């Protein structure tokens, strides 16, 4: 059988085309749909909300961090696709004892493109994956030209990005969201910190935060949270943003550059 390396350099012997696939990563579940693997994906998590038809019809194996081993056993997959950050290491190791587990590790666009390409090879859908990464690269190149113009004209903004409330949490360097912020031409004011630090309002003030983005996930920020924060940060522009566009690293990347361009236009 062919041997594949995952993104943690684990060696995995795979059948030519796995026919019973379980995804425990929402953004990769959407990718498998884009690779037209409907007949071969047998299990997903309760957070795999795209596509909606799969969310309704596919067997759910628990959450990304609460995988139900008994459901996995019932499904008898010949391939499980996991992620270093989104899944619990101990659960992944337990799965590796009995199943072929391909683990992704994505912290930037380059990693994402590599992941899509490799999953295309592992699942026997390389031509579709190749077309997908070519289009993603084209869309991000167009975004790069736009952000370069913005930077030249002095429109780069000191930006914070909140993913949680009570306590407030943001993103630092070494995260996929940080990479997406950078590709938008934003300066992440917490790029010197740990990956997901807890912060407070005073730190946002001290960092001279010009733009504060409130994500729709994992915490579902709403307009009421802007209303709550704006009096505390009167000189900061505060906006709600689609968290999937900043943090999903599968085929959602096709849509992200147009979304980012629209966001930049709103700011101008």
Protein backbone atom coordinates (compact mmCIF):
# COMPACT_ATOMS: atom_id res chain seq x y z
CA UNK A 1 0.00 0.00 0.00
CA UNK A 2 1.14 3.60 -0.57
CA UNK A 3 2.73 5.38 2.40
CA UNK A 4 1.88 9.01 3.20
CA UNK A 5 3.31 11.49 5.70
CA UNK A 6 0.90 13.75 7.56
CA UNK A 7 1.81 17.31 8.59
CA UNK A 8 3.35 16.05 11.84
CA UNK A 9 5.52 13.67 9.77
CA UNK A 10 3.73 10.56 10.93
CA UNK A 11 4.01 7.76 8.38
CA UNK A 12 0.67 6.21 7.38
CA UNK A 13 0.01 3.24 5.11
CA UNK A 14 -3.14 3.91 3.13
CA UNK A 15 -5.30 1.99 0.68
CA UNK A 16 -5.30 3.51 -2.80
CA UNK A 17 -8.63 5.16 -2.09
CA UNK A 18 -10.07 5.15 1.46
CA UNK A 19 -13.80 4.51 1.30
CA UNK A 20 -14.85 5.17 4.91
CA UNK A 21 -13.57 8.58 6.01
CA UNK A 22 -14.21 10.39 9.31
CA UNK A 23 -13.36 14.08 9.68
CA UNK A 24 -13.00 15.56 13.16
CA UNK A 25 -12.12 19.04 11.83
CA UNK A 26 -14.95 21.34 10.62
CA UNK A 27 -12.98 23.24 7.98
CA UNK A 28 -11.59 19.98 6.58
CA UNK A 29 -15.08 18.47 6.48
CA UNK A 30 -16.07 21.32 4.17
CA UNK A 31 -12.94 20.63 2.11
CA UNK A 32 -13.91 16.96 1.68
CA UNK A 33 -17.28 18.11 0.40
CA UNK A 34 -15.56 20.37 -2.13
CA UNK A 35 -13.46 17.38 -3.23
CA UNK A 36 -16.78 15.58 -3.94
CA UNK A 37 -16.31 12.84 -1.36
CA UNK A 38 -19.95 12.67 -0.29
CA UNK A 39 -20.22 8.92 -0.73
CA UNK A 40 -17.04 8.19 1.23
CA UNK A 41 -17.33 10.47 4.28
CA UNK A 42 -19.21 8.52 6.96
CA UNK A 43 -18.63 10.59 10.11
CA UNK A 44 -18.23 14.25 11.15
CA UNK A 45 -18.36 16.29 14.37
CA UNK A 46 -21.29 18.27 15.76
CA UNK A 47 -19.38 21.43 14.79
CA UNK A 48 -19.09 20.47 11.11
CA UNK A 49 -21.91 22.80 10.05
CA UNK A 50 -20.85 23.08 6.40
CA UNK A 51 -22.28 21.75 4.21
CA UNK A 52 -25.71 21.85 5.82
CA UNK A 53 -26.78 18.63 4.08
CA UNK A 54 -23.91 16.71 5.69
CA UNK A 55 -24.66 18.29 9.07
CA UNK A 56 -28.18 16.89 8.83
CA UNK A 57 -27.36 13.50 7.33
CA UNK A 58 -23.90 12.30 8.39
CA UNK A 59 -23.22 10.40 11.62
CA UNK A 60 -21.87 12.73 14.31
CA UNK A 61 -18.99 11.39 16.35
CA UNK A 62 -19.16 14.01 19.14
CA UNK A 63 -17.24 17.29 19.29
CA UNK A 64 -13.76 18.19 18.11
CA UNK A 65 -12.49 17.75 21.68
CA UNK A 66 -15.01 15.13 22.83
CA UNK A 67 -14.72 12.33 20.27
CA UNK A 68 -16.96 9.36 21.01
CA UNK A 69 -14.77 6.30 20.57
CA UNK A 70 -17.73 3.93 20.54
CA UNK A 71 -19.28 5.75 17.54
CA UNK A 72 -15.92 5.66 15.73
CA UNK A 73 -15.78 1.91 16.34
CA UNK A 74 -19.24 1.45 14.87
CA UNK A 75 -18.25 3.37 11.74
CA UNK A 76 -15.01 1.40 11.22
CA UNK A 77 -13.26 4.13 9.18
CA UNK A 78 -10.22 3.40 7.06
CA UNK A 79 -9.13 7.05 7.39
CA UNK A 80 -9.62 9.67 10.13
CA UNK A 81 -8.52 13.24 9.46
CA UNK A 82 -7.61 15.28 12.56
CA UNK A 83 -5.80 18.50 13.47
CA UNK A 84 -3.03 19.20 15.96
CA UNK A 85 -4.70 22.28 17.46
CA UNK A 86 -8.41 21.57 17.17
CA UNK A 87 -8.37 18.02 18.55
CA UNK A 88 -7.13 16.69 21.88
CA UNK A 89 -3.73 15.00 21.60
CA UNK A 90 -4.64 12.14 23.94
CA UNK A 91 -7.77 11.34 21.91
CA UNK A 92 -5.83 11.42 18.64
CA UNK A 93 -3.20 9.06 20.08
CA UNK A 94 -5.95 6.70 21.20
CA UNK A 95 -7.41 6.69 17.70
CA UNK A 96 -3.96 6.03 16.20
CA UNK A 97 -3.78 2.73 18.07
CA UNK A 98 -6.59 1.26 15.97
CA UNK A 99 -7.07 3.46 12.89
CA UNK A 100 -5.18 5.34 10.21
CA UNK A 101 -5.16 8.97 11.38
CA UNK A 102 -3.84 11.76 9.15
CA UNK A 103 -3.08 14.83 11.33
CA UNK A 104 -2.96 18.34 9.89
CA UNK A 105 -0.99 21.26 11.36
CA UNK A 106 -2.02 24.59 9.84
CA UNK A 107 -0.84 27.98 11.09
CA UNK A 108 -0.58 29.90 7.79
CA UNK A 109 -1.75 29.91 4.18
CA UNK A 110 1.24 27.91 2.98
CA UNK A 111 0.41 25.12 5.47
CA UNK A 112 -3.22 25.20 4.32
CA UNK A 113 -2.31 24.83 0.66
CA UNK A 114 0.04 21.96 1.55
CA UNK A 115 -2.74 20.33 3.61
CA UNK A 116 -5.27 20.55 0.77
CA UNK A 117 -2.75 19.11 -1.68
CA UNK A 118 -1.84 16.23 0.62
CA UNK A 119 -5.46 15.37 1.42
CA UNK A 120 -6.09 15.31 -2.31
CA UNK A 121 -3.30 12.72 -2.62
CA UNK A 122 -4.44 10.65 0.37
CA UNK A 123 -8.07 10.50 -0.81
CA UNK A 124 -7.32 9.98 -4.49
CA UNK A 125 -8.73 13.38 -5.48
CA UNK A 126 -5.48 15.10 -6.42
CA UNK A 127 -6.72 16.75 -9.67
CA UNK A 128 -9.60 18.45 -7.83
CA UNK A 129 -7.31 19.49 -4.96
CA UNK A 130 -4.77 20.91 -7.41
CA UNK A 131 -7.44 23.03 -9.12
CA UNK A 132 -8.62 24.24 -5.72
CA UNK A 133 -5.20 25.36 -4.50
CA UNK A 134 -4.48 27.08 -7.81
CA UNK A 135 -7.66 29.14 -7.47
CA UNK A 136 -6.99 29.92 -3.79
CA UNK A 137 -3.48 31.12 -4.63
CA UNK A 138 -4.86 33.32 -7.44
CA UNK A 139 -7.46 34.93 -5.13
CA UNK A 140 -4.91 35.67 -2.39
CA UNK A 141 -2.48 37.13 -4.93
CA UNK A 142 -5.18 39.60 -5.99
CA UNK A 143 -5.77 40.49 -2.32
CA UNK A 144 -2.03 41.03 -1.84
CA UNK A 145 -1.94 43.60 -4.64
CA UNK A 146 -4.80 45.48 -2.95
CA UNK A 147 -3.23 45.46 0.51
CA UNK A 148 0.15 46.58 -0.86
CA UNK A 149 -1.57 49.66 -2.28
CA UNK A 150 -3.25 50.31 1.09
CA UNK A 151 0.04 49.99 2.96
CA UNK A 152 1.81 52.34 0.54
CA UNK A 153 -0.90 54.92 1.18
CA UNK A 154 -0.45 54.62 4.94
CA UNK A 155 -3.73 52.82 5.62
CA UNK A 156 -2.30 49.99 7.74
CA UNK A 157 -4.26 49.76 11.01
CA UNK A 158 -3.15 48.64 14.46
CA UNK A 159 -5.61 45.83 14.98
CA UNK A 160 -6.90 43.57 17.75
CA UNK A 161 -9.01 40.47 17.16
CA UNK A 162 -11.18 39.04 19.94
CA UNK A 163 -12.19 35.37 19.98
CA UNK A 164 -13.63 35.16 23.50
CA UNK A 165 -15.32 37.15 26.24
CA UNK A 166 -15.20 36.83 30.06
CA UNK A 167 -12.27 36.92 29.91
CA UNK A 168 -11.37 38.60 26.63
CA UNK A 169 -9.02 36.50 24.52
CA UNK A 170 -7.13 37.44 21.39
CA UNK A 171 -4.68 35.86 18.94
CA UNK A 172 -0.92 36.17 18.79
CA UNK A 173 1.79 35.13 16.37
CA UNK A 174 1.84 31.51 15.25
CA UNK A 175 -1.91 31.30 14.65
CA UNK A 176 -3.78 30.97 11.36
CA UNK A 177 -5.87 34.02 12.26
CA UNK A 178 -2.71 36.09 12.69
CA UNK A 179 -1.62 35.09 9.19
CA UNK A 180 -5.00 36.10 7.75
CA UNK A 181 -4.87 39.47 9.57
CA UNK A 182 -1.43 40.08 8.09
CA UNK A 183 -2.67 39.21 4.59
CA UNK A 184 -5.41 41.83 5.04
CA UNK A 185 -2.69 44.39 5.68
CA UNK A 186 -3.53 44.73 9.37
CA UNK A 187 -0.92 45.04 12.11
CA UNK A 188 -1.78 42.59 14.89
CA UNK A 189 -1.08 44.54 18.08
CA UNK A 190 -0.63 41.27 20.01
CA UNK A 191 1.75 39.56 17.57
CA UNK A 192 4.42 39.50 20.30
CA UNK A 193 2.31 37.42 22.67
CA UNK A 194 1.51 33.76 23.23
CA UNK A 195 -0.87 32.22 20.71
CA UNK A 196 -4.17 32.87 22.54
CA UNK A 197 -3.55 35.31 25.39
CA UNK A 198 -6.11 36.64 27.84
CA UNK A 199 -6.24 40.45 27.72
CA UNK A 200 -8.16 43.35 29.24
CA UNK A 201 -9.45 46.73 28.08
CA UNK A 202 -6.43 48.59 29.44
CA UNK A 203 -4.10 46.48 27.28
CA UNK A 204 -6.13 47.43 24.21
CA UNK A 205 -5.81 51.10 25.17
CA UNK A 206 -2.08 50.80 25.90
CA UNK A 207 -1.51 49.11 22.52
CA UNK A 208 -3.18 52.03 20.70
CA UNK A 209 -5.76 49.75 19.11
CA UNK A 210 -7.20 51.54 16.05
CA UNK A 211 -9.37 48.65 14.84
CA UNK A 212 -10.96 45.95 16.99
CA UNK A 213 -12.51 42.95 15.24
CA UNK A 214 -15.04 40.85 17.14
CA UNK A 215 -15.27 37.34 15.74
CA UNK A 216 -18.45 35.33 15.24
CA UNK A 217 -16.65 32.24 16.61
CA UNK A 218 -15.80 30.56 18.89
CA UNK A 219 -17.56 33.23 20.96
CA UNK A 220 -20.56 34.64 19.05
CA UNK A 221 -19.97 38.38 19.41
CA UNK A 222 -22.99 40.57 18.55
CA UNK A 223 -23.82 44.26 18.16
CA UNK A 224 -24.55 44.47 21.90
CA UNK A 225 -20.87 43.74 22.55
CA UNK A 226 -19.83 46.62 20.31
CA UNK A 227 -22.21 48.83 22.28
CA UNK A 228 -20.59 47.58 25.47
CA UNK A 229 -17.01 48.16 24.32
CA UNK A 230 -17.29 51.39 22.36
CA UNK A 231 -17.61 53.75 25.39
CA UNK A 232 -14.51 52.10 26.86
CA UNK A 233 -12.56 52.46 23.59
CA UNK A 234 -13.90 55.71 22.10
CA UNK A 235 -11.01 56.12 19.62
CA UNK A 236 -11.22 52.55 18.28
CA UNK A 237 -13.22 51.39 15.27
CA UNK A 238 -15.05 48.19 16.36
CA UNK A 239 -16.53 45.74 13.85
CA UNK A 240 -18.14 42.32 13.80
CA UNK A 241 -16.43 39.87 11.45
CA UNK A 242 -17.11 36.37 10.13
CA UNK A 243 -14.80 34.14 12.14
CA UNK A 244 -14.97 31.33 9.59
CA UNK A 245 -13.29 33.56 7.03
CA UNK A 246 -10.36 34.18 9.37
CA UNK A 247 -9.98 30.71 10.86
CA UNK A 248 -11.27 28.03 8.44
CA UNK A 249 -8.37 26.77 6.34
CA UNK A 250 -10.06 24.39 3.89
CA UNK A 251 -12.04 25.27 0.78
CA UNK A 252 -13.51 28.27 2.67
CA UNK A 253 -10.25 29.95 1.60
CA UNK A 254 -11.78 30.41 -1.83
CA UNK A 255 -14.24 32.90 -0.36
CA UNK A 256 -11.95 34.58 2.17
CA UNK A 257 -10.03 37.02 -0.09
CA UNK A 258 -13.25 38.56 -1.49
CA UNK A 259 -14.58 38.88 2.07
CA UNK A 260 -11.35 40.54 3.22
CA UNK A 261 -11.44 42.94 0.24
CA UNK A 262 -15.00 43.90 1.15
CA UNK A 263 -13.92 44.50 4.75
CA UNK A 264 -11.11 46.78 3.59
CA UNK A 265 -13.52 48.74 1.41
CA UNK A 266 -15.81 49.31 4.41
CA UNK A 267 -12.88 50.68 6.39
CA UNK A 268 -11.90 53.11 3.66
